[in-house]
């Protein structure tokens, strides 16, 4: 599970280093930042799937010390990731069609509120402590990337 956190942190650092091209408008930069938020989520998803599969194989082999993510937790995580992907599409469309920076900030804030709720649901639903922590880190990473939008757009 540490791989998931490491991968998510690396993805977030990459997002912050990539930035936005200088010739974009503020709204274009905001849409780019929203798209880049998915780098964090995708990294988490790939890591979670790998950890789930490795845990299953380890337990099947009868090895001691396996970190097993339950099928129920895995399904919850994958459904949450799908929700974030759909949210990203909605947010990008909202930002791209926003006529003002204030409207674009509203789009970003709506996405952040949804991710905050997913994070809270994960803390309630997930049984594995490491799954809870990794899920929370991924949601924090996505929220942080979306908060970049507010910074790009200014007050």
N, C-alpha and C. Protein backbone atom coordinates (compact mmCIF):
# COMPACT_ATOMS: atom_id res chain seq x y z
N UNK A 1 0.82 -1.19 0.00
CA UNK A 1 0.00 0.00 0.00
C UNK A 1 0.87 1.26 0.00
N UNK A 2 2.10 1.14 0.48
CA UNK A 2 2.97 2.30 0.46
C UNK A 2 3.27 2.72 -0.97
N UNK A 3 3.26 1.75 -1.89
CA UNK A 3 3.47 2.08 -3.30
C UNK A 3 2.39 3.02 -3.80
N UNK A 4 1.16 2.81 -3.33
CA UNK A 4 0.05 3.67 -3.76
C UNK A 4 0.31 5.10 -3.31
N UNK A 5 0.68 5.27 -2.06
CA UNK A 5 0.94 6.61 -1.53
C UNK A 5 2.12 7.26 -2.26
N UNK A 6 3.16 6.47 -2.50
CA UNK A 6 4.33 7.00 -3.19
C UNK A 6 3.97 7.41 -4.61
N UNK A 7 3.20 6.56 -5.30
CA UNK A 7 2.80 6.86 -6.67
C UNK A 7 1.91 8.11 -6.72
N UNK A 8 0.98 8.21 -5.78
CA UNK A 8 0.10 9.39 -5.75
C UNK A 8 0.90 10.65 -5.47
N UNK A 9 1.86 10.57 -4.55
CA UNK A 9 2.70 11.73 -4.24
C UNK A 9 3.54 12.13 -5.45
N UNK A 10 4.09 11.14 -6.14
CA UNK A 10 4.88 11.41 -7.34
C UNK A 10 4.02 12.05 -8.42
N UNK A 11 2.82 11.53 -8.58
CA UNK A 11 1.91 12.09 -9.59
C UNK A 11 1.56 13.54 -9.26
N UNK A 12 1.30 13.81 -7.98
CA UNK A 12 0.98 15.18 -7.57
C UNK A 12 2.16 16.11 -7.81
N UNK A 13 3.35 15.65 -7.48
CA UNK A 13 4.54 16.47 -7.72
C UNK A 13 4.71 16.75 -9.20
N UNK A 14 4.44 15.76 -10.03
CA UNK A 14 4.53 15.94 -11.48
C UNK A 14 3.53 16.99 -11.95
N UNK A 15 2.30 16.91 -11.44
CA UNK A 15 1.28 17.89 -11.81
C UNK A 15 1.75 19.30 -11.48
N UNK A 16 2.32 19.46 -10.30
CA UNK A 16 2.76 20.79 -9.87
C UNK A 16 3.95 21.29 -10.71
N UNK A 17 4.80 20.38 -11.14
CA UNK A 17 5.96 20.78 -11.93
C UNK A 17 5.60 21.08 -13.38
N UNK A 18 4.59 20.37 -13.90
CA UNK A 18 4.21 20.56 -15.30
C UNK A 18 3.65 21.95 -15.52
N UNK A 19 2.76 22.38 -14.64
CA UNK A 19 2.18 23.71 -14.77
C UNK A 19 1.31 23.84 -16.00
N UNK A 20 1.09 25.06 -16.40
CA UNK A 20 0.26 25.36 -17.55
C UNK A 20 1.05 26.23 -18.52
N UNK A 21 0.83 26.02 -19.81
CA UNK A 21 1.53 26.87 -20.78
C UNK A 21 1.23 28.35 -20.58
N UNK A 22 2.22 29.18 -20.80
CA UNK A 22 2.10 30.62 -20.52
C UNK A 22 1.11 31.32 -21.44
N UNK A 23 0.86 30.78 -22.64
CA UNK A 23 0.00 31.48 -23.58
C UNK A 23 -1.48 31.14 -23.42
N UNK A 24 -1.86 30.41 -22.38
CA UNK A 24 -3.25 30.09 -22.14
C UNK A 24 -3.94 31.19 -21.34
N UNK A 25 -5.26 31.33 -21.56
CA UNK A 25 -6.04 32.25 -20.75
C UNK A 25 -6.20 31.64 -19.35
N UNK A 26 -6.70 32.43 -18.41
CA UNK A 26 -6.90 31.92 -17.06
C UNK A 26 -7.86 30.73 -17.07
N UNK A 27 -8.96 30.81 -17.83
CA UNK A 27 -9.92 29.72 -17.87
C UNK A 27 -9.31 28.48 -18.51
N UNK A 28 -8.48 28.65 -19.54
CA UNK A 28 -7.81 27.51 -20.16
C UNK A 28 -6.84 26.87 -19.18
N UNK A 29 -6.13 27.69 -18.42
CA UNK A 29 -5.20 27.17 -17.41
C UNK A 29 -5.98 26.40 -16.33
N UNK A 30 -7.14 26.91 -15.96
CA UNK A 30 -7.96 26.24 -14.96
C UNK A 30 -8.43 24.88 -15.48
N UNK A 31 -8.85 24.83 -16.74
CA UNK A 31 -9.28 23.56 -17.32
C UNK A 31 -8.12 22.58 -17.38
N UNK A 32 -6.93 23.06 -17.71
CA UNK A 32 -5.74 22.21 -17.75
C UNK A 32 -5.43 21.66 -16.36
N UNK A 33 -5.52 22.49 -15.34
CA UNK A 33 -5.27 22.04 -13.97
C UNK A 33 -6.28 20.98 -13.55
N UNK A 34 -7.53 21.15 -13.95
CA UNK A 34 -8.56 20.18 -13.63
C UNK A 34 -8.25 18.84 -14.29
N UNK A 35 -7.82 18.87 -15.53
CA UNK A 35 -7.46 17.63 -16.22
C UNK A 35 -6.27 16.96 -15.54
N UNK A 36 -5.32 17.76 -15.09
CA UNK A 36 -4.12 17.20 -14.45
C UNK A 36 -4.43 16.58 -13.09
N UNK A 37 -5.52 16.97 -12.48
CA UNK A 37 -5.90 16.36 -11.19
C UNK A 37 -6.11 14.86 -11.35
N UNK A 38 -6.48 14.45 -12.54
CA UNK A 38 -6.74 13.04 -12.77
C UNK A 38 -5.45 12.21 -12.81
N UNK A 39 -4.31 12.85 -12.99
CA UNK A 39 -3.04 12.14 -12.92
C UNK A 39 -2.90 11.50 -11.54
N UNK A 40 -3.27 12.23 -10.51
CA UNK A 40 -3.19 11.72 -9.15
C UNK A 40 -4.13 10.53 -8.97
N UNK A 41 -5.35 10.68 -9.43
CA UNK A 41 -6.35 9.63 -9.26
C UNK A 41 -5.97 8.39 -10.07
N UNK A 42 -5.48 8.60 -11.27
CA UNK A 42 -5.08 7.46 -12.10
C UNK A 42 -3.92 6.70 -11.45
N UNK A 43 -2.95 7.42 -10.91
CA UNK A 43 -1.84 6.78 -10.21
C UNK A 43 -2.32 5.96 -9.03
N UNK A 44 -3.25 6.52 -8.27
CA UNK A 44 -3.82 5.79 -7.14
C UNK A 44 -4.55 4.54 -7.62
N UNK A 45 -5.37 4.68 -8.67
CA UNK A 45 -6.14 3.55 -9.17
C UNK A 45 -5.22 2.40 -9.60
N UNK A 46 -4.19 2.72 -10.34
CA UNK A 46 -3.26 1.68 -10.79
C UNK A 46 -2.58 0.99 -9.60
N UNK A 47 -2.19 1.78 -8.62
CA UNK A 47 -1.56 1.22 -7.42
C UNK A 47 -2.51 0.36 -6.62
N UNK A 48 -3.75 0.79 -6.50
CA UNK A 48 -4.74 0.03 -5.74
C UNK A 48 -5.03 -1.30 -6.43
N UNK A 49 -5.17 -1.29 -7.73
CA UNK A 49 -5.42 -2.53 -8.46
C UNK A 49 -4.24 -3.49 -8.28
N UNK A 50 -3.04 -2.96 -8.36
CA UNK A 50 -1.86 -3.80 -8.18
C UNK A 50 -1.82 -4.38 -6.76
N UNK A 51 -2.08 -3.56 -5.76
CA UNK A 51 -2.07 -4.03 -4.37
C UNK A 51 -3.17 -5.07 -4.15
N UNK A 52 -4.33 -4.85 -4.74
CA UNK A 52 -5.45 -5.81 -4.62
C UNK A 52 -5.05 -7.15 -5.22
N UNK A 53 -4.51 -7.13 -6.42
CA UNK A 53 -4.11 -8.37 -7.09
C UNK A 53 -2.97 -9.07 -6.35
N UNK A 54 -1.99 -8.32 -5.88
CA UNK A 54 -0.87 -8.92 -5.14
C UNK A 54 -1.35 -9.53 -3.82
N UNK A 55 -2.25 -8.85 -3.14
CA UNK A 55 -2.79 -9.38 -1.89
C UNK A 55 -3.54 -10.68 -2.11
N UNK A 56 -4.33 -10.73 -3.17
CA UNK A 56 -5.08 -11.95 -3.51
C UNK A 56 -4.11 -13.10 -3.79
N UNK A 57 -3.08 -12.83 -4.61
CA UNK A 57 -2.11 -13.87 -4.98
C UNK A 57 -1.33 -14.33 -3.75
N UNK A 58 -0.96 -13.40 -2.90
CA UNK A 58 -0.21 -13.72 -1.69
C UNK A 58 -1.04 -14.60 -0.76
N UNK A 59 -2.30 -14.23 -0.55
CA UNK A 59 -3.18 -15.00 0.33
C UNK A 59 -3.44 -16.39 -0.25
N UNK A 60 -3.61 -16.46 -1.56
CA UNK A 60 -3.86 -17.74 -2.22
C UNK A 60 -2.66 -18.67 -2.06
N UNK A 61 -1.45 -18.09 -2.08
CA UNK A 61 -0.22 -18.88 -1.92
C UNK A 61 0.00 -19.28 -0.46
N UNK A 62 -0.79 -18.71 0.44
CA UNK A 62 -0.66 -19.04 1.85
C UNK A 62 0.50 -18.37 2.55
N UNK A 63 0.99 -17.30 1.97
CA UNK A 63 2.11 -16.57 2.58
C UNK A 63 1.63 -15.77 3.79
N UNK A 64 2.53 -15.63 4.75
CA UNK A 64 2.21 -14.84 5.94
C UNK A 64 2.45 -13.36 5.64
N UNK A 65 1.73 -12.51 6.31
CA UNK A 65 1.94 -11.07 6.20
C UNK A 65 1.36 -10.44 4.94
N UNK A 66 0.40 -11.10 4.33
CA UNK A 66 -0.22 -10.55 3.12
C UNK A 66 -1.08 -9.34 3.48
N UNK A 67 -1.03 -8.32 2.66
CA UNK A 67 -1.93 -7.18 2.80
C UNK A 67 -3.05 -7.39 1.79
N UNK A 68 -4.18 -7.81 2.30
CA UNK A 68 -5.31 -8.15 1.43
C UNK A 68 -6.36 -7.06 1.51
N UNK A 69 -6.73 -6.57 0.34
CA UNK A 69 -7.83 -5.61 0.23
C UNK A 69 -9.06 -6.44 -0.07
N UNK A 70 -10.10 -6.30 0.74
CA UNK A 70 -11.31 -7.10 0.53
C UNK A 70 -11.95 -6.74 -0.81
N UNK A 71 -12.73 -7.69 -1.32
CA UNK A 71 -13.45 -7.44 -2.58
C UNK A 71 -14.38 -6.24 -2.43
N UNK A 72 -15.00 -6.14 -1.26
CA UNK A 72 -15.92 -5.03 -0.99
C UNK A 72 -15.18 -3.69 -1.02
N UNK A 73 -14.02 -3.62 -0.37
CA UNK A 73 -13.23 -2.38 -0.36
C UNK A 73 -12.74 -2.06 -1.77
N UNK A 74 -12.28 -3.08 -2.49
CA UNK A 74 -11.80 -2.87 -3.86
C UNK A 74 -12.92 -2.31 -4.74
N UNK A 75 -14.11 -2.88 -4.62
CA UNK A 75 -15.25 -2.40 -5.41
C UNK A 75 -15.58 -0.95 -5.05
N UNK A 76 -15.57 -0.63 -3.75
CA UNK A 76 -15.84 0.74 -3.32
C UNK A 76 -14.83 1.72 -3.93
N UNK A 77 -13.55 1.35 -3.85
CA UNK A 77 -12.49 2.22 -4.38
C UNK A 77 -12.68 2.42 -5.87
N UNK A 78 -12.93 1.34 -6.61
CA UNK A 78 -13.07 1.46 -8.06
C UNK A 78 -14.31 2.28 -8.44
N UNK A 79 -15.40 2.11 -7.70
CA UNK A 79 -16.59 2.94 -7.95
C UNK A 79 -16.31 4.41 -7.65
N UNK A 80 -15.56 4.67 -6.60
CA UNK A 80 -15.21 6.05 -6.25
C UNK A 80 -14.32 6.67 -7.31
N UNK A 81 -13.37 5.89 -7.81
CA UNK A 81 -12.49 6.39 -8.88
C UNK A 81 -13.32 6.71 -10.12
N UNK A 82 -14.27 5.85 -10.45
CA UNK A 82 -15.16 6.11 -11.60
C UNK A 82 -15.95 7.40 -11.38
N UNK A 83 -16.41 7.62 -10.16
CA UNK A 83 -17.12 8.86 -9.84
C UNK A 83 -16.22 10.07 -10.05
N UNK A 84 -14.97 9.97 -9.64
CA UNK A 84 -14.03 11.08 -9.81
C UNK A 84 -13.75 11.33 -11.29
N UNK A 85 -13.63 10.27 -12.08
CA UNK A 85 -13.42 10.45 -13.53
C UNK A 85 -14.61 11.18 -14.17
N UNK A 86 -15.83 10.76 -13.80
CA UNK A 86 -17.03 11.45 -14.34
C UNK A 86 -17.06 12.89 -13.85
N UNK A 87 -16.70 13.10 -12.59
CA UNK A 87 -16.65 14.45 -12.02
C UNK A 87 -15.66 15.32 -12.79
N UNK A 88 -14.53 14.73 -13.15
CA UNK A 88 -13.53 15.47 -13.91
C UNK A 88 -14.08 15.95 -15.24
N UNK A 89 -14.78 15.07 -15.94
CA UNK A 89 -15.38 15.46 -17.22
C UNK A 89 -16.37 16.61 -17.02
N UNK A 90 -17.21 16.49 -16.01
CA UNK A 90 -18.20 17.53 -15.71
C UNK A 90 -17.50 18.84 -15.35
N UNK A 91 -16.47 18.75 -14.54
CA UNK A 91 -15.75 19.95 -14.10
C UNK A 91 -15.06 20.62 -15.28
N UNK A 92 -14.43 19.83 -16.14
CA UNK A 92 -13.76 20.40 -17.31
C UNK A 92 -14.75 21.11 -18.22
N UNK A 93 -15.90 20.50 -18.43
CA UNK A 93 -16.94 21.12 -19.26
C UNK A 93 -17.44 22.40 -18.62
N UNK A 94 -17.66 22.35 -17.31
CA UNK A 94 -18.14 23.53 -16.57
C UNK A 94 -17.13 24.68 -16.67
N UNK A 95 -15.86 24.37 -16.45
CA UNK A 95 -14.83 25.41 -16.50
C UNK A 95 -14.68 25.97 -17.91
N UNK A 96 -14.69 25.08 -18.89
CA UNK A 96 -14.52 25.52 -20.28
C UNK A 96 -15.67 26.43 -20.73
N UNK A 97 -16.86 26.19 -20.19
CA UNK A 97 -18.00 27.01 -20.58
C UNK A 97 -18.27 28.18 -19.64
N UNK A 98 -17.48 28.27 -18.57
CA UNK A 98 -17.67 29.37 -17.61
C UNK A 98 -17.33 30.69 -18.29
N UNK A 99 -18.20 31.63 -18.14
CA UNK A 99 -17.98 32.93 -18.77
C UNK A 99 -17.09 33.84 -17.94
N UNK A 100 -16.97 33.54 -16.67
CA UNK A 100 -16.17 34.38 -15.79
C UNK A 100 -15.28 33.51 -14.91
N UNK A 101 -14.28 34.14 -14.33
CA UNK A 101 -13.41 33.39 -13.43
C UNK A 101 -14.19 32.96 -12.18
N UNK A 102 -15.12 33.77 -11.74
CA UNK A 102 -15.93 33.42 -10.56
C UNK A 102 -16.74 32.15 -10.84
N UNK A 103 -17.29 32.04 -12.04
CA UNK A 103 -18.05 30.84 -12.41
C UNK A 103 -17.14 29.62 -12.46
N UNK A 104 -15.92 29.79 -12.96
CA UNK A 104 -14.96 28.68 -13.01
C UNK A 104 -14.56 28.24 -11.61
N UNK A 105 -14.40 29.19 -10.71
CA UNK A 105 -14.08 28.86 -9.32
C UNK A 105 -15.23 28.07 -8.70
N UNK A 106 -16.46 28.44 -9.01
CA UNK A 106 -17.62 27.71 -8.53
C UNK A 106 -17.59 26.26 -9.03
N UNK A 107 -17.21 26.06 -10.27
CA UNK A 107 -17.07 24.71 -10.83
C UNK A 107 -16.06 23.91 -10.02
N UNK A 108 -14.91 24.51 -9.78
CA UNK A 108 -13.85 23.84 -9.02
C UNK A 108 -14.30 23.53 -7.60
N UNK A 109 -14.95 24.49 -6.96
CA UNK A 109 -15.40 24.29 -5.58
C UNK A 109 -16.44 23.17 -5.48
N UNK A 110 -17.28 23.06 -6.48
CA UNK A 110 -18.27 21.98 -6.52
C UNK A 110 -17.56 20.62 -6.60
N UNK A 111 -16.54 20.54 -7.45
CA UNK A 111 -15.77 19.29 -7.58
C UNK A 111 -15.06 18.96 -6.28
N UNK A 112 -14.49 19.96 -5.64
CA UNK A 112 -13.78 19.75 -4.38
C UNK A 112 -14.75 19.25 -3.31
N UNK A 113 -15.96 19.79 -3.28
CA UNK A 113 -16.97 19.35 -2.30
C UNK A 113 -17.33 17.88 -2.53
N UNK A 114 -17.46 17.48 -3.79
CA UNK A 114 -17.78 16.09 -4.10
C UNK A 114 -16.65 15.16 -3.66
N UNK A 115 -15.42 15.55 -3.95
CA UNK A 115 -14.27 14.73 -3.55
C UNK A 115 -14.16 14.66 -2.03
N UNK A 116 -14.45 15.75 -1.35
CA UNK A 116 -14.44 15.76 0.12
C UNK A 116 -15.46 14.75 0.65
N UNK A 117 -16.63 14.69 0.01
CA UNK A 117 -17.66 13.73 0.44
C UNK A 117 -17.20 12.29 0.18
N UNK A 118 -16.56 12.06 -0.99
CA UNK A 118 -16.03 10.72 -1.27
C UNK A 118 -15.00 10.31 -0.22
N UNK A 119 -14.15 11.27 0.15
CA UNK A 119 -13.13 11.00 1.16
C UNK A 119 -13.79 10.61 2.49
N UNK A 120 -14.82 11.32 2.88
CA UNK A 120 -15.54 11.01 4.12
C UNK A 120 -16.22 9.64 4.02
N UNK A 121 -16.80 9.34 2.86
CA UNK A 121 -17.43 8.03 2.65
C UNK A 121 -16.40 6.92 2.76
N UNK A 122 -15.21 7.14 2.23
CA UNK A 122 -14.15 6.15 2.31
C UNK A 122 -13.73 5.89 3.74
N UNK A 123 -13.64 6.94 4.53
CA UNK A 123 -13.26 6.80 5.94
C UNK A 123 -14.30 5.99 6.70
N UNK A 124 -15.55 6.10 6.29
CA UNK A 124 -16.64 5.37 6.94
C UNK A 124 -16.73 3.93 6.42
N UNK A 125 -16.58 3.77 5.11
CA UNK A 125 -16.85 2.48 4.47
C UNK A 125 -15.68 1.51 4.49
N UNK A 126 -14.48 2.01 4.19
CA UNK A 126 -13.33 1.11 4.04
C UNK A 126 -12.94 0.48 5.37
N UNK A 127 -12.68 -0.81 5.35
CA UNK A 127 -12.34 -1.55 6.56
C UNK A 127 -10.84 -1.54 6.83
N UNK A 128 -10.04 -1.66 5.79
CA UNK A 128 -8.59 -1.73 5.94
C UNK A 128 -8.03 -0.35 6.28
N UNK A 129 -7.22 -0.29 7.33
CA UNK A 129 -6.62 0.98 7.73
C UNK A 129 -5.71 1.52 6.64
N UNK A 130 -4.95 0.64 5.99
CA UNK A 130 -4.05 1.12 4.94
C UNK A 130 -4.85 1.56 3.72
N UNK A 131 -5.95 0.88 3.40
CA UNK A 131 -6.79 1.31 2.28
C UNK A 131 -7.41 2.68 2.58
N UNK A 132 -7.84 2.88 3.81
CA UNK A 132 -8.40 4.18 4.21
C UNK A 132 -7.37 5.29 4.01
N UNK A 133 -6.16 5.02 4.49
CA UNK A 133 -5.10 6.03 4.40
C UNK A 133 -4.76 6.34 2.94
N UNK A 134 -4.57 5.31 2.14
CA UNK A 134 -4.20 5.53 0.74
C UNK A 134 -5.32 6.21 -0.03
N UNK A 135 -6.56 5.81 0.24
CA UNK A 135 -7.71 6.43 -0.41
C UNK A 135 -7.79 7.91 -0.04
N UNK A 136 -7.60 8.19 1.23
CA UNK A 136 -7.64 9.57 1.70
C UNK A 136 -6.54 10.40 1.05
N UNK A 137 -5.33 9.84 0.95
CA UNK A 137 -4.23 10.56 0.31
C UNK A 137 -4.54 10.86 -1.16
N UNK A 138 -5.13 9.90 -1.85
CA UNK A 138 -5.48 10.13 -3.25
C UNK A 138 -6.52 11.24 -3.37
N UNK A 139 -7.50 11.24 -2.48
CA UNK A 139 -8.54 12.28 -2.53
C UNK A 139 -7.94 13.64 -2.17
N UNK A 140 -7.02 13.67 -1.22
CA UNK A 140 -6.35 14.92 -0.86
C UNK A 140 -5.54 15.42 -2.06
N UNK A 141 -4.86 14.50 -2.74
CA UNK A 141 -4.09 14.87 -3.93
C UNK A 141 -4.97 15.48 -5.01
N UNK A 142 -6.12 14.86 -5.25
CA UNK A 142 -7.04 15.38 -6.27
C UNK A 142 -7.57 16.75 -5.84
N UNK A 143 -7.92 16.88 -4.56
CA UNK A 143 -8.42 18.18 -4.08
C UNK A 143 -7.34 19.24 -4.19
N UNK A 144 -6.11 18.88 -3.87
CA UNK A 144 -5.01 19.85 -3.96
C UNK A 144 -4.83 20.31 -5.39
N UNK A 145 -4.86 19.38 -6.33
CA UNK A 145 -4.72 19.75 -7.73
C UNK A 145 -5.88 20.66 -8.16
N UNK A 146 -7.08 20.39 -7.69
CA UNK A 146 -8.22 21.25 -8.02
C UNK A 146 -8.10 22.62 -7.34
N UNK A 147 -7.50 22.66 -6.15
CA UNK A 147 -7.31 23.95 -5.48
C UNK A 147 -6.35 24.85 -6.26
N UNK A 148 -5.52 24.24 -7.09
CA UNK A 148 -4.64 25.03 -7.95
C UNK A 148 -5.48 25.95 -8.85
N UNK A 149 -6.66 25.50 -9.22
CA UNK A 149 -7.54 26.30 -10.07
C UNK A 149 -7.84 27.64 -9.42
N UNK A 150 -8.20 27.62 -8.15
CA UNK A 150 -8.49 28.86 -7.45
C UNK A 150 -7.29 29.78 -7.43
N UNK A 151 -6.10 29.19 -7.28
CA UNK A 151 -4.88 29.98 -7.29
C UNK A 151 -4.64 30.60 -8.68
N UNK A 152 -4.85 29.80 -9.70
CA UNK A 152 -4.67 30.29 -11.08
C UNK A 152 -5.63 31.44 -11.38
N UNK A 153 -6.87 31.27 -10.93
CA UNK A 153 -7.90 32.27 -11.25
C UNK A 153 -7.84 33.50 -10.36
N UNK A 154 -7.22 33.35 -9.21
CA UNK A 154 -7.12 34.50 -8.31
C UNK A 154 -8.41 34.70 -7.53
N UNK A 155 -8.47 35.82 -6.80
CA UNK A 155 -9.64 36.08 -5.94
C UNK A 155 -10.90 36.32 -6.72
